[in-house]
Amino acid sequence: MDGSQPVRITREGDHQVVHLPSGVAVPADAVVRQDGERLIIERGQASNRHRLLDTLARLEPIEEDFAPIDDLPSSPVRF
């Protein structure tokens, strides 16, 4: 068997709802696409936050020494 399981599809207003069988979980950021007669639900694009964290995790540490900042503000700065 290919791992397929039957699902129930109902209509709620203008939307169709796919009722997944117990034991099947889909991430909240899932996307759906149709490929001929197949309806495919898969993980969506990672959020920008996750892409940034993944990119930062792959960066090498910076080994450069930075010069001290001589031009400091004369009074505290409120943001």
C-alpha atoms as a PDB file:
ATOM      1  CA  MET A   1       0.000   0.000   0.000  1.00  0.00           C
ATOM      2  CA  ASP A   2       1.219   3.565  -0.704  1.00  0.00           C
ATOM      3  CA  GLY A   3       0.313   4.995   2.729  1.00  0.00           C
ATOM      4  CA  SER A   4      -2.915   6.568   1.464  1.00  0.00           C
ATOM      5  CA  GLN A   5      -5.831   6.866   3.865  1.00  0.00           C
ATOM      6  CA  PRO A   6      -9.400   7.856   3.088  1.00  0.00           C
ATOM      7  CA  VAL A   7     -10.502  11.342   4.169  1.00  0.00           C
ATOM      8  CA  ARG A   8     -13.886  12.974   4.458  1.00  0.00           C
ATOM      9  CA  ILE A   9     -14.473  16.276   2.666  1.00  0.00           C
ATOM     10  CA  THR A  10     -17.354  18.517   3.703  1.00  0.00           C
ATOM     11  CA  ARG A  11     -18.497  21.945   2.598  1.00  0.00           C
ATOM     12  CA  GLU A  12     -18.701  24.963   4.921  1.00  0.00           C
ATOM     13  CA  GLY A  13     -20.052  27.930   3.000  1.00  0.00           C
ATOM     14  CA  ASP A  14     -17.680  28.650   0.107  1.00  0.00           C
ATOM     15  CA  HIS A  15     -14.936  26.395   1.535  1.00  0.00           C
ATOM     16  CA  GLN A  16     -14.299  22.687   1.472  1.00  0.00           C
ATOM     17  CA  VAL A  17     -12.941  21.105   4.638  1.00  0.00           C
ATOM     18  CA  VAL A  18     -10.679  18.058   4.583  1.00  0.00           C
ATOM     19  CA  HIS A  19     -11.125  15.926   7.712  1.00  0.00           C
ATOM     20  CA  LEU A  20      -7.837  14.128   8.328  1.00  0.00           C
ATOM     21  CA  PRO A  21      -7.836  10.687   9.947  1.00  0.00           C
ATOM     22  CA  SER A  22      -6.585  10.409  13.512  1.00  0.00           C
ATOM     23  CA  GLY A  23      -2.853   9.957  13.617  1.00  0.00           C
ATOM     24  CA  VAL A  24      -2.281  12.245  10.632  1.00  0.00           C
ATOM     25  CA  ALA A  25      -0.889  15.667  11.521  1.00  0.00           C
ATOM     26  CA  VAL A  26      -0.287  18.606   9.216  1.00  0.00           C
ATOM     27  CA  PRO A  27       1.769  21.660  10.231  1.00  0.00           C
ATOM     28  CA  ALA A  28      -0.091  24.949  10.615  1.00  0.00           C
ATOM     29  CA  ASP A  29       1.856  26.455   7.690  1.00  0.00           C
ATOM     30  CA  ALA A  30       0.808  23.740   5.210  1.00  0.00           C
ATOM     31  CA  VAL A  31      -0.048  24.460   1.585  1.00  0.00           C
ATOM     32  CA  VAL A  32      -2.327  22.534  -0.749  1.00  0.00           C
ATOM     33  CA  ARG A  33      -2.003  22.006  -4.494  1.00  0.00           C
ATOM     34  CA  GLN A  34      -3.781  19.935  -7.075  1.00  0.00           C
ATOM     35  CA  ASP A  35      -1.834  17.704  -9.440  1.00  0.00           C
ATOM     36  CA  GLY A  36      -4.315  16.214 -11.907  1.00  0.00           C
ATOM     37  CA  GLU A  37      -6.656  14.053  -9.821  1.00  0.00           C
ATOM     38  CA  ARG A  38      -4.392  14.276  -6.753  1.00  0.00           C
ATOM     39  CA  LEU A  39      -4.795  16.739  -3.908  1.00  0.00           C
ATOM     40  CA  ILE A  40      -1.429  17.240  -2.223  1.00  0.00           C
ATOM     41  CA  ILE A  41      -1.022  18.782   1.238  1.00  0.00           C
ATOM     42  CA  GLU A  42       2.554  19.528   2.231  1.00  0.00           C
ATOM     43  CA  ARG A  43       4.613  21.667   4.561  1.00  0.00           C
ATOM     44  CA  GLY A  44       4.616  25.310   3.533  1.00  0.00           C
ATOM     45  CA  GLN A  45       7.544  27.657   3.219  1.00  0.00           C
ATOM     46  CA  ALA A  46       9.370  28.281   6.438  1.00  0.00           C
ATOM     47  CA  SER A  47       8.527  31.602   7.984  1.00  0.00           C
ATOM     48  CA  ASN A  48      10.957  34.477   7.501  1.00  0.00           C
ATOM     49  CA  ARG A  49      12.000  34.092  11.132  1.00  0.00           C
ATOM     50  CA  HIS A  50      12.945  30.446  10.620  1.00  0.00           C
ATOM     51  CA  ARG A  51      14.792  31.186   7.374  1.00  0.00           C
ATOM     52  CA  LEU A  52      16.776  33.925   9.131  1.00  0.00           C
ATOM     53  CA  LEU A  53      17.620  31.633  12.050  1.00  0.00           C
ATOM     54  CA  ASP A  54      18.700  28.869   9.644  1.00  0.00           C
ATOM     55  CA  THR A  55      20.909  31.316   7.733  1.00  0.00           C
ATOM     56  CA  LEU A  56      22.476  32.701  10.906  1.00  0.00           C
ATOM     57  CA  ALA A  57      23.181  29.178  12.160  1.00  0.00           C
ATOM     58  CA  ARG A  58      25.216  28.439   9.008  1.00  0.00           C
ATOM     59  CA  LEU A  59      27.365  31.594   9.193  1.00  0.00           C
ATOM     60  CA  GLU A  60      30.950  31.361  10.345  1.00  0.00           C
ATOM     61  CA  PRO A  61      31.963  33.491  13.349  1.00  0.00           C
ATOM     62  CA  ILE A  62      33.500  36.875  12.548  1.00  0.00           C
ATOM     63  CA  GLU A  63      37.158  36.884  13.597  1.00  0.00           C
ATOM     64  CA  GLU A  64      37.710  40.575  12.889  1.00  0.00           C
ATOM     65  CA  ASP A  65      38.452  43.047  15.669  1.00  0.00           C
ATOM     66  CA  PHE A  66      36.433  46.215  15.344  1.00  0.00           C
ATOM     67  CA  ALA A  67      37.875  49.567  16.353  1.00  0.00           C
ATOM     68  CA  PRO A  68      36.287  51.244  19.369  1.00  0.00           C
ATOM     69  CA  ILE A  69      33.649  53.867  18.677  1.00  0.00           C
ATOM     70  CA  ASP A  70      35.053  57.289  19.592  1.00  0.00           C
ATOM     71  CA  ASP A  71      32.029  59.399  18.696  1.00  0.00           C
ATOM     72  CA  LEU A  72      29.666  58.478  21.527  1.00  0.00           C
ATOM     73  CA  PRO A  73      26.485  60.471  22.135  1.00  0.00           C
ATOM     74  CA  SER A  74      26.853  63.206  24.762  1.00  0.00           C
ATOM     75  CA  SER A  75      23.581  62.270  26.456  1.00  0.00           C
ATOM     76  CA  PRO A  76      21.476  59.129  26.731  1.00  0.00           C
ATOM     77  CA  VAL A  77      19.410  58.351  23.671  1.00  0.00           C
ATOM     78  CA  ARG A  78      15.750  57.324  24.127  1.00  0.00           C
ATOM     79  CA  PHE A  79      14.154  55.162  21.487  1.00  0.00           C
END
